[in-house]
Each structure stands twice: as C-alpha cells, then as structure tokens.
Protein backbone atom coordinates (compact mmCIF):
# COMPACT_ATOMS: atom_id res chain seq x y z
CA MET A 1 54.32 41.99 27.43
CA SER A 2 53.79 38.25 27.44
CA PRO A 3 56.55 35.99 28.83
CA ALA A 4 56.80 34.44 25.35
CA PHE A 5 58.50 37.67 24.23
CA GLN A 6 60.77 37.93 27.26
CA ARG A 7 62.47 34.68 28.17
CA LEU A 8 63.28 31.06 27.63
CA VAL A 9 64.02 28.41 30.24
CA ILE A 10 66.88 25.99 29.70
CA GLY A 11 66.89 22.81 31.78
CA CYS A 12 70.08 21.22 33.09
CA ASP A 13 69.80 18.69 30.25
CA GLY A 14 69.61 21.46 27.61
CA LYS A 15 65.89 21.15 26.86
CA VAL A 16 64.36 24.57 26.21
CA THR A 17 60.83 25.59 27.18
CA LYS A 18 59.08 28.92 26.75
CA CYS A 19 58.74 29.78 30.45
CA CYS A 20 59.07 28.57 34.03
CA GLY A 21 55.38 27.65 34.05
CA ASP A 22 56.12 24.69 31.78
CA SER A 23 58.02 22.62 34.34
CA ASN A 24 56.45 19.44 32.95
CA ARG A 25 57.78 20.33 29.50
CA MET A 26 54.46 20.16 27.73
CA ILE A 27 55.99 22.32 25.00
CA THR A 28 59.69 21.78 24.32
CA LEU A 29 61.09 24.32 21.88
CA GLY A 30 64.42 22.65 21.29
CA ASP A 31 67.63 21.38 22.80
CA ALA A 32 70.41 23.87 23.54
CA ASN A 33 72.94 21.07 23.09
CA GLU A 34 71.92 20.72 19.46
CA THR A 35 70.50 24.11 18.42
CA THR A 36 71.63 27.66 19.13
CA ILE A 37 69.55 29.74 21.53
CA ALA A 38 69.17 32.32 18.76
CA ASP A 39 67.66 29.72 16.44
CA ILE A 40 65.29 28.49 19.15
CA TRP A 41 64.32 32.11 19.95
CA LYS A 42 63.50 32.71 16.27
CA SER A 43 61.84 29.32 15.72
CA GLU A 44 58.52 28.86 13.96
CA LYS A 45 57.13 27.05 17.01
CA LEU A 46 57.79 30.00 19.32
CA HIS A 47 56.60 32.43 16.64
CA LYS A 48 53.21 30.68 16.55
CA ILE A 49 52.94 30.89 20.35
CA ARG A 50 53.76 34.60 20.23
CA LEU A 51 51.09 35.23 17.59
CA LEU A 52 48.51 33.55 19.81
CA HIS A 53 49.65 35.67 22.76
CA GLN A 54 49.44 38.85 20.71
CA GLY A 55 45.86 37.98 19.88
CA GLY A 56 45.04 37.26 23.53
CA ARG A 57 44.43 33.62 22.61
CA TYR A 58 46.41 32.14 25.54
CA GLU A 59 43.89 29.35 26.00
CA GLU A 60 45.04 27.80 22.72
CA VAL A 61 48.47 27.03 24.21
CA PRO A 62 48.13 24.27 26.83
CA THR A 63 50.50 25.66 29.46
CA CYS A 64 49.52 29.27 28.80
CA SER A 65 45.86 28.54 29.42
CA LEU A 66 46.76 27.60 33.00
CA CYS A 67 49.05 30.57 33.65
CA VAL A 68 47.99 33.14 36.24
CA ILE A 69 49.94 35.87 34.44
CA ASN A 70 48.04 35.34 31.20
CA ARG A 71 44.67 35.16 32.93
CA HIS A 72 45.28 38.61 34.40
CA ASN A 73 47.37 40.16 31.63
CA LYS A 74 44.79 41.98 29.56
CA GLY A 75 47.02 44.73 28.22
CA ASP A 76 48.01 46.21 31.57
CA GLU A 77 51.26 44.27 31.81
CA TRP A 78 52.10 43.48 35.44
CA ASN A 79 49.91 46.17 37.00
CA TRP A 80 47.40 43.56 38.17
CA LEU A 81 49.96 42.48 40.78
CA PHE A 82 49.78 45.84 42.46
CA LYS A 83 46.03 46.35 42.47
CA GLU A 84 44.21 45.98 45.74
CA HIS A 85 42.19 42.80 45.84
C-alpha cells in the first residue's frame, strides 16, 4: 500500500505533508493549527494523490516521482526491500 494511504507528517509549525519524503514541503495538505487532521486526511487534495497512486501514476506527483518506495512498489508492497540485489 502506498504511503499516501498510511500516514501524514505534521511539522512543528503544524504544516501537514503527505509523507516524510516531502521535507521541502512541495505539497502542503493543510495546517493542523487551523484544520482537523480528519479533514486533512479526507481532503480532496489527498484524494487526488491517492487516485494517482492507485493507478500507478506516481510520476504525476512531484515528490512521489522521486520516491524510492514508489519506484519499486509495483504491487508487491515492501517485499522489494527483502529481495537479494
């Protein structure tokens, strides 16, 4: 399952991003000081990202296109980590 379905990251200032790979905050989903986490989790912005992930279209989300997890996650979840290279 894609990280977009698993977690959010909340900065010390309350800014919410979709994952730890977005440390530069290319995609800010909201501000936890102003919006509930539940509302951010159910937001249209995150929903669109999830739809792209479901379709394997990671490259259409700037930070996701750079993510090593998404480059290797082709339906086998985290198994790629345990394969011999």
